[in-house]
Amino acid sequence: MNTAKIIQAGKIAKQAKEYAKSIVKKNIPLLEIANKIEAKIHELGGKPAFPVNLSINEIAAHYTPDHEDKTLANGLLKVDLGVHVDGFIADTAFSIDLENSEENKKLIQASHKALENAEKKVKEKIHANEIGKTIQETIEFFNFSPVINLSGHEMKQYELHAGITIPNVEDTKESILSKGLYAIEPFATTGSGRVHDGKPSGIYLLENEKNVRSPIAREILVFIIEEYQTLPFCSRWLVKKFGTKALIGLKQLEDNGNLHHFPQLVEKEGSKVSQAENTILIDKEVVITTE
């Protein structure tokens, strides 16, 4: 665990988050927002740990614009961004109301307060379900539901989801937090509190490096291994590098079993979802790296 690089990634993520808050406005194309945030991360000396997620209303997570996306920012927008420095990750998110809606504002307050209360609980040897209980009680205090089947997660070098999960509800698992790096991310919803798989997201993860026949797919596979290793990436990035032939290569790699293609995650009842997230380092002391 490289504490200096973890702290550096957190500082960059915090600056990128503040920048994102300054540029997100209603009716700006999501593609423009994503490109600007990712460019800012590079400018600050980091790399995106995953494609910027810009998920609207009932889409809880895993929406990133493709290379010709025309969607405009609207509704209750979740901005989820990650930074890595040599594979050491910072993961943070916020929600913004673009409709001047009281319900949206209350939902945002619920997930934000749940994160604040959860952060106060974090220490070495605490049970993860104690954090989940705090998140659940806070969100339910606002008369909303926590999203049960989304959770926070441990992170390791080049591993966004590693080791234990941190639930958004009280559960029966006996996971205990040790020294390490964790993302806590409460999701609050007006709905039932479950997400299901939606459309393909264009976000991928390398699963194995086995050979593939197609020259295009092979070229793209080599680039993925070198550039992203085991961190998520998206079709938009590869189209920028290789042109639209990248889409053919990605499909071939997916069919060959090299890649996992993430689905969008959508609230089961089509209800709105808010999200808040920070990264926390448990070492000699507890540090919120993205705040």
Protein backbone atom coordinates (compact mmCIF):
# COMPACT_ATOMS: atom_id res chain seq x y z
CA MET A 1 0.00 0.00 0.00
CA ASN A 2 1.59 3.24 -1.15
CA THR A 3 0.12 5.87 1.15
CA ALA A 4 1.67 8.83 -0.69
CA LYS A 5 0.12 7.80 -4.03
CA ILE A 6 -3.23 7.05 -2.36
CA ILE A 7 -3.25 10.56 -0.84
CA GLN A 8 -2.18 12.11 -4.16
CA ALA A 9 -4.99 10.31 -6.03
CA GLY A 10 -7.45 11.57 -3.40
CA LYS A 11 -6.32 15.17 -3.78
CA ILE A 12 -6.68 15.00 -7.56
CA ALA A 13 -10.13 13.41 -7.21
CA LYS A 14 -11.23 16.15 -4.82
CA GLN A 15 -10.08 18.86 -7.26
CA ALA A 16 -11.75 17.06 -10.19
CA LYS A 17 -14.97 16.81 -8.16
CA GLU A 18 -14.93 20.55 -7.41
CA TYR A 19 -14.28 21.23 -11.09
CA ALA A 20 -17.18 18.94 -12.05
CA LYS A 21 -19.51 20.83 -9.72
CA SER A 22 -18.54 24.07 -11.46
CA ILE A 23 -19.29 22.85 -15.01
CA VAL A 24 -22.38 20.66 -14.62
CA LYS A 25 -25.40 22.65 -15.76
CA LYS A 26 -28.76 21.65 -17.17
CA ASN A 27 -28.80 20.84 -20.91
CA ILE A 28 -25.01 20.55 -21.29
CA PRO A 29 -24.24 17.33 -23.24
CA LEU A 30 -23.12 14.49 -20.97
CA LEU A 31 -20.36 13.75 -23.48
CA GLU A 32 -18.91 17.24 -22.99
CA ILE A 33 -19.09 16.90 -19.19
CA ALA A 34 -17.37 13.49 -19.18
CA ASN A 35 -14.62 14.60 -21.56
CA LYS A 36 -13.91 17.75 -19.54
CA ILE A 37 -13.74 15.94 -16.18
CA GLU A 38 -11.45 13.23 -17.57
CA ALA A 39 -9.23 15.87 -19.20
CA LYS A 40 -9.02 17.70 -15.86
CA ILE A 41 -7.90 14.48 -14.13
CA HIS A 42 -5.07 14.10 -16.67
CA GLU A 43 -4.19 17.79 -16.34
CA LEU A 44 -3.88 17.38 -12.56
CA GLY A 45 -1.43 14.50 -12.95
CA GLY A 46 -3.68 11.48 -12.51
CA LYS A 47 -5.51 9.05 -14.77
CA PRO A 48 -9.19 8.11 -14.64
CA ALA A 49 -9.61 4.94 -12.56
CA PHE A 50 -12.80 4.29 -14.55
CA PRO A 51 -14.91 6.25 -17.05
CA VAL A 52 -16.83 9.14 -15.48
CA ASN A 53 -20.34 7.88 -14.68
CA LEU A 54 -23.15 10.37 -15.36
CA SER A 55 -26.33 8.58 -14.35
CA ILE A 56 -29.70 10.34 -14.51
CA ASN A 57 -32.78 9.75 -12.31
CA GLU A 58 -33.59 6.00 -12.12
CA ILE A 59 -30.20 4.96 -13.52
CA ALA A 60 -28.21 4.45 -10.32
CA ALA A 61 -24.81 3.76 -11.87
CA HIS A 62 -22.79 2.71 -14.93
CA TYR A 63 -23.98 5.30 -17.43
CA THR A 64 -21.11 6.82 -19.34
CA PRO A 65 -21.70 8.58 -22.66
CA ASP A 66 -20.54 6.84 -25.83
CA HIS A 67 -18.58 8.66 -28.54
CA GLU A 68 -21.71 10.03 -30.24
CA ASP A 69 -23.99 10.41 -27.22
CA LYS A 70 -26.47 13.29 -27.52
CA THR A 71 -28.00 13.06 -24.02
CA LEU A 72 -28.24 16.39 -22.19
CA ALA A 73 -27.76 16.80 -18.44
CA ASN A 74 -31.12 16.87 -16.67
CA GLY A 75 -33.04 15.55 -13.70
CA LEU A 76 -31.22 14.10 -10.70
CA LEU A 77 -27.68 13.56 -11.98
CA LYS A 78 -25.07 11.40 -10.23
CA VAL A 79 -21.45 12.28 -11.06
CA ASP A 80 -19.15 9.39 -10.08
CA LEU A 81 -15.45 9.79 -10.86
CA GLY A 82 -12.27 7.91 -10.06
CA VAL A 83 -8.59 8.76 -10.17
CA HIS A 84 -5.57 6.53 -10.01
CA VAL A 85 -1.87 7.24 -9.56
CA ASP A 86 0.08 4.13 -10.61
CA GLY A 87 -3.00 2.03 -9.85
CA PHE A 88 -3.68 3.52 -6.40
CA ILE A 89 -7.28 4.69 -6.49
CA ALA A 90 -9.59 7.43 -5.26
CA ASP A 91 -13.32 7.03 -5.91
CA THR A 92 -15.83 9.79 -5.19
CA ALA A 93 -19.32 10.86 -6.25
CA PHE A 94 -21.96 13.52 -5.72
CA SER A 95 -25.50 14.14 -6.91
CA ILE A 96 -26.91 17.36 -8.32
CA ASP A 97 -30.50 18.50 -8.86
CA LEU A 98 -30.99 20.09 -12.28
CA GLU A 99 -34.78 20.54 -11.99
CA ASN A 100 -35.09 22.68 -8.83
CA SER A 101 -37.06 19.79 -7.31
CA GLU A 102 -37.65 19.59 -3.55
CA GLU A 103 -37.79 15.79 -3.73
CA ASN A 104 -34.46 15.65 -5.57
CA LYS A 105 -32.88 17.97 -3.01
CA LYS A 106 -34.15 15.83 -0.14
CA LEU A 107 -32.87 12.65 -1.81
CA ILE A 108 -29.45 14.27 -2.26
CA GLN A 109 -29.47 15.33 1.39
CA ALA A 110 -30.30 11.76 2.46
CA SER A 111 -27.38 10.08 0.67
CA HIS A 112 -24.99 12.89 1.66
CA LYS A 113 -25.96 12.70 5.35
CA ALA A 114 -25.72 8.89 5.24
CA LEU A 115 -22.17 9.22 3.94
CA GLU A 116 -21.28 11.76 6.64
CA ASN A 117 -22.63 9.53 9.40
CA ALA A 118 -20.94 6.43 7.95
CA GLU A 119 -17.58 8.21 7.78
CA LYS A 120 -17.75 8.89 11.53
CA LYS A 121 -18.04 5.14 12.16
CA VAL A 122 -15.01 4.07 10.13
CA LYS A 123 -12.09 2.68 12.11
CA GLU A 124 -9.92 -0.41 12.11
CA LYS A 125 -11.74 -3.60 13.25
CA ILE A 126 -15.27 -2.20 12.87
CA HIS A 127 -17.83 -4.58 11.36
CA ALA A 128 -18.91 -3.46 7.89
CA ASN A 129 -22.56 -4.14 8.77
CA GLU A 130 -22.36 -1.46 11.51
CA ILE A 131 -21.57 1.05 8.78
CA GLY A 132 -24.43 -0.39 6.71
CA LYS A 133 -26.80 -0.03 9.65
CA THR A 134 -25.87 3.66 10.01
CA ILE A 135 -26.42 4.26 6.28
CA GLN A 136 -29.78 2.49 6.35
CA GLU A 137 -31.03 4.32 9.46
CA THR A 138 -29.99 7.71 8.06
CA ILE A 139 -31.67 7.22 4.69
CA GLU A 140 -34.83 5.80 6.29
CA PHE A 141 -34.95 8.83 8.61
CA PHE A 142 -35.56 10.87 5.44
CA ASN A 143 -38.35 8.41 4.47
CA PHE A 144 -36.39 6.98 1.54
CA SER A 145 -34.95 3.52 0.91
CA PRO A 146 -31.26 2.62 0.73
CA VAL A 147 -30.34 0.64 -2.38
CA ILE A 148 -29.78 -2.83 -0.96
CA ASN A 149 -27.89 -4.44 -3.85
CA LEU A 150 -25.29 -1.69 -4.34
CA SER A 151 -22.46 -1.33 -1.88
CA GLY A 152 -19.18 0.29 -1.00
CA HIS A 153 -16.00 -1.65 -1.56
CA GLU A 154 -12.41 -2.21 -0.62
CA MET A 155 -9.83 -1.07 -3.20
CA LYS A 156 -6.31 -2.27 -3.92
CA GLN A 157 -3.71 -1.34 -6.53
CA TYR A 158 -5.37 -1.65 -9.98
CA GLU A 159 -8.40 -3.28 -8.30
CA LEU A 160 -11.47 -1.08 -8.01
CA HIS A 161 -13.57 -3.76 -6.28
CA ALA A 162 -11.33 -5.86 -4.05
CA GLY A 163 -11.89 -7.83 -0.87
CA ILE A 164 -14.79 -6.87 1.33
CA THR A 165 -17.94 -4.91 0.51
CA ILE A 166 -19.51 -2.25 2.71
CA PRO A 167 -23.28 -2.65 2.61
CA ASN A 168 -25.82 0.16 2.49
CA VAL A 169 -28.05 -1.75 4.93
CA GLU A 170 -27.49 -3.80 8.04
CA ASP A 171 -26.66 -7.32 6.89
CA THR A 172 -25.62 -10.61 8.50
CA LYS A 173 -22.10 -10.84 7.11
CA GLU A 174 -19.19 -10.73 9.54
CA SER A 175 -16.80 -8.61 7.44
CA ILE A 176 -14.38 -6.53 9.51
CA LEU A 177 -12.42 -3.55 8.21
CA SER A 178 -8.67 -3.84 8.58
CA LYS A 179 -6.00 -1.39 7.43
CA GLY A 180 -6.63 -0.56 3.79
CA LEU A 181 -8.54 1.61 1.34
CA TYR A 182 -12.33 1.71 1.14
CA ALA A 183 -15.03 3.50 -0.84
CA ILE A 184 -18.28 4.16 1.00
CA GLU A 185 -21.18 5.02 -1.30
CA PRO A 186 -24.74 5.29 -0.02
CA PHE A 187 -27.53 5.32 -2.61
CA ALA A 188 -30.98 6.64 -1.60
CA THR A 189 -34.14 6.10 -3.62
CA THR A 190 -37.85 6.88 -3.63
CA GLY A 191 -38.37 3.31 -4.85
CA SER A 192 -38.08 -0.20 -3.45
CA GLY A 193 -34.31 -0.07 -2.97
CA ARG A 194 -33.13 -2.55 -5.56
CA VAL A 195 -31.44 -2.14 -8.93
CA HIS A 196 -31.49 -4.50 -11.89
CA ASP A 197 -29.46 -4.74 -15.07
CA GLY A 198 -30.39 -2.29 -17.81
CA LYS A 199 -28.86 -1.66 -21.24
CA PRO A 200 -25.16 -2.32 -21.96
CA SER A 201 -23.09 0.58 -20.63
CA GLY A 202 -20.08 0.61 -22.96
CA ILE A 203 -17.95 0.13 -19.82
CA TYR A 204 -15.67 -2.92 -19.86
CA LEU A 205 -13.18 -4.76 -17.69
CA LEU A 206 -10.38 -7.06 -18.85
CA GLU A 207 -11.11 -10.60 -17.65
CA ASN A 208 -8.32 -12.54 -19.36
CA GLU A 209 -5.61 -12.08 -21.96
CA LYS A 210 -6.25 -15.19 -24.08
CA ASN A 211 -5.49 -15.01 -27.77
CA VAL A 212 -8.03 -13.71 -30.25
CA ARG A 213 -7.89 -14.24 -34.04
CA SER A 214 -8.93 -10.82 -35.31
CA PRO A 215 -6.00 -8.40 -35.91
CA ILE A 216 -8.17 -5.42 -34.82
CA ALA A 217 -9.18 -7.19 -31.61
CA ARG A 218 -5.56 -8.22 -30.94
CA GLU A 219 -4.32 -4.65 -31.39
CA ILE A 220 -6.99 -3.34 -29.01
CA LEU A 221 -6.31 -6.11 -26.48
CA VAL A 222 -2.60 -5.19 -26.33
CA PHE A 223 -3.53 -1.54 -25.74
CA ILE A 224 -6.06 -2.43 -23.00
CA ILE A 225 -3.50 -4.58 -21.16
CA GLU A 226 -0.86 -1.84 -21.30
CA GLU A 227 -3.08 1.18 -20.65
CA TYR A 228 -5.85 0.01 -18.28
CA GLN A 229 -4.62 -3.30 -16.84
CA THR A 230 -7.47 -4.46 -14.56
CA LEU A 231 -9.29 -1.12 -14.26
CA PRO A 232 -12.57 -0.37 -16.11
CA PHE A 233 -12.50 1.52 -19.42
CA CYS A 234 -15.07 2.48 -22.06
CA SER A 235 -15.75 2.29 -25.77
CA ARG A 236 -15.54 6.10 -26.02
CA TRP A 237 -11.87 6.05 -25.01
CA LEU A 238 -11.03 3.37 -27.56
CA VAL A 239 -12.90 5.10 -30.40
CA LYS A 240 -10.81 8.19 -29.61
CA LYS A 241 -7.63 6.11 -29.97
CA PHE A 242 -8.51 3.73 -32.84
CA GLY A 243 -11.57 5.22 -34.56
CA THR A 244 -14.88 3.36 -34.89
CA LYS A 245 -13.13 0.08 -35.80
CA ALA A 246 -12.62 -0.14 -32.02
CA LEU A 247 -16.31 -1.02 -31.67
CA ILE A 248 -15.81 -4.10 -33.85
CA GLY A 249 -12.73 -5.10 -31.87
CA LEU A 250 -14.52 -4.68 -28.55
CA LYS A 251 -17.42 -6.87 -29.71
CA GLN A 252 -14.97 -9.56 -30.84
CA LEU A 253 -13.11 -9.42 -27.52
CA GLU A 254 -16.39 -9.63 -25.62
CA ASP A 255 -17.52 -12.62 -27.71
CA ASN A 256 -14.12 -14.26 -27.18
CA GLY A 257 -14.48 -13.98 -23.40
CA ASN A 258 -11.68 -11.43 -22.89
CA LEU A 259 -13.91 -8.67 -21.57
CA HIS A 260 -16.73 -8.21 -19.08
CA HIS A 261 -19.29 -5.67 -20.33
CA PHE A 262 -21.06 -3.92 -17.45
CA PRO A 263 -24.80 -3.26 -17.71
CA GLN A 264 -26.33 0.03 -16.61
CA LEU A 265 -27.84 -0.38 -13.13
CA VAL A 266 -31.44 0.82 -12.98
CA GLU A 267 -33.80 1.15 -9.99
CA LYS A 268 -36.29 -1.70 -10.27
CA GLU A 269 -39.41 0.49 -10.03
CA GLY A 270 -37.99 3.24 -12.26
CA SER A 271 -37.63 5.50 -9.21
CA LYS A 272 -35.04 8.23 -8.75
CA VAL A 273 -31.74 7.51 -7.03
CA SER A 274 -29.15 9.78 -5.39
CA GLN A 275 -25.55 8.87 -4.54
CA ALA A 276 -22.73 10.22 -2.38
CA GLU A 277 -19.27 8.69 -2.10
CA ASN A 278 -15.85 9.20 -0.60
CA THR A 279 -12.67 7.15 -0.29
CA ILE A 280 -11.32 6.39 3.17
CA LEU A 281 -7.84 5.18 4.09
CA ILE A 282 -7.45 3.22 7.33
CA ASP A 283 -3.79 3.32 8.29
CA LYS A 284 -2.16 4.75 11.42
CA GLU A 285 -5.18 7.05 11.39
CA VAL A 286 -8.40 7.29 9.39
CA VAL A 287 -8.17 9.72 6.45
CA ILE A 288 -10.93 10.69 4.02
CA THR A 289 -8.73 11.07 0.95
CA THR A 290 -11.33 12.70 -1.34
CA GLU A 291 -12.59 15.41 1.02
